[in-house]
Each structure stands twice: as structure tokens, then as C-alpha cells.
Amino acid sequence: MTLGGGEAEIYAAKIPEKARSAGMKITEIAQKWNFPKECFFIGIYREEGGEFLIP
């Protein structure tokens, strides 16, 4: 989804069970050297519990 006249975008990403980031905290993922500094998390959806979390 594009916002702000094309200045921002929202993406949904599913983390596979065996991904290196699976089970990590948002702060751990965002502190990785290769995580884009212009990106941030706006929510987490957990399928198993059907819950939506805002960090």
C-alpha cells in the first residue's frame, strides 16, 4: 500500500518458521547491521493466536 503521495509504503511479510529472524524480538531484528534504517515495524500479527500487536 502506498501512502503520502508515494513517499511511504506499507508491506506485510510472513516470517518462515526456519528463518534466522524467527523468534527474535523486534529490537534484535532492527539492530542488525543490514536492517534498513528507513524501515520500522507498525504491527505484528500472530496467526496461531489470531492476535495483532502494536510494538
Protein backbone atom coordinates (compact mmCIF):
# COMPACT_ATOMS: atom_id res chain seq x y z
CA MET A 1 0.00 0.00 0.00
CA THR A 2 1.40 3.40 -0.95
CA LEU A 3 0.88 6.41 1.33
CA GLY A 4 1.74 10.10 1.38
CA GLY A 5 1.64 10.59 -2.37
CA GLY A 6 4.19 7.82 -2.91
CA GLU A 7 6.52 8.92 -0.12
CA ALA A 8 5.84 5.84 2.05
CA GLU A 9 4.76 2.24 1.61
CA ILE A 10 3.36 -0.47 3.88
CA TYR A 11 4.34 -4.11 3.37
CA ALA A 12 3.26 -7.34 5.00
CA ALA A 13 5.90 -10.04 5.40
CA LYS A 14 5.46 -13.56 6.69
CA ILE A 15 8.47 -14.89 8.61
CA PRO A 16 9.03 -18.59 7.82
CA GLU A 17 9.42 -20.87 10.85
CA LYS A 18 13.05 -21.66 9.98
CA ALA A 19 14.11 -18.08 9.18
CA ARG A 20 17.05 -16.70 11.17
CA SER A 21 14.80 -13.92 12.48
CA ALA A 22 12.04 -16.30 13.65
CA GLY A 23 11.58 -15.93 17.38
CA MET A 24 13.67 -12.76 17.60
CA LYS A 25 12.45 -9.56 19.24
CA ILE A 26 11.76 -6.57 17.00
CA THR A 27 14.61 -4.67 18.65
CA GLU A 28 17.01 -7.52 17.81
CA ILE A 29 15.96 -7.53 14.15
CA ALA A 30 16.09 -3.73 13.79
CA GLN A 31 19.59 -3.59 15.34
CA LYS A 32 21.12 -5.89 12.72
CA TRP A 33 23.73 -4.11 10.61
CA ASN A 34 21.85 -4.80 7.36
CA PHE A 35 18.35 -3.77 8.52
CA PRO A 36 17.32 -0.65 6.54
CA LYS A 37 17.34 2.40 8.84
CA GLU A 38 14.39 3.94 6.96
CA CYS A 39 12.15 0.96 7.85
CA PHE A 40 10.16 0.33 11.00
CA PHE A 41 7.54 -2.10 12.28
CA ILE A 42 3.96 -0.89 12.76
CA GLY A 43 2.42 -4.16 13.87
CA ILE A 44 2.79 -7.89 14.36
CA TYR A 45 0.10 -10.44 13.57
CA ARG A 46 0.43 -13.86 15.19
CA GLU A 47 -1.56 -16.39 13.22
CA GLU A 48 -1.56 -19.12 15.89
CA GLY A 49 -3.34 -16.90 18.41
CA GLY A 50 -5.04 -14.55 15.97
CA GLU A 51 -3.63 -11.56 17.84
CA PHE A 52 -2.39 -8.24 16.45
CA LEU A 53 0.28 -6.41 18.43
CA ILE A 54 1.50 -2.84 18.02
CA PRO A 55 5.12 -2.54 19.17
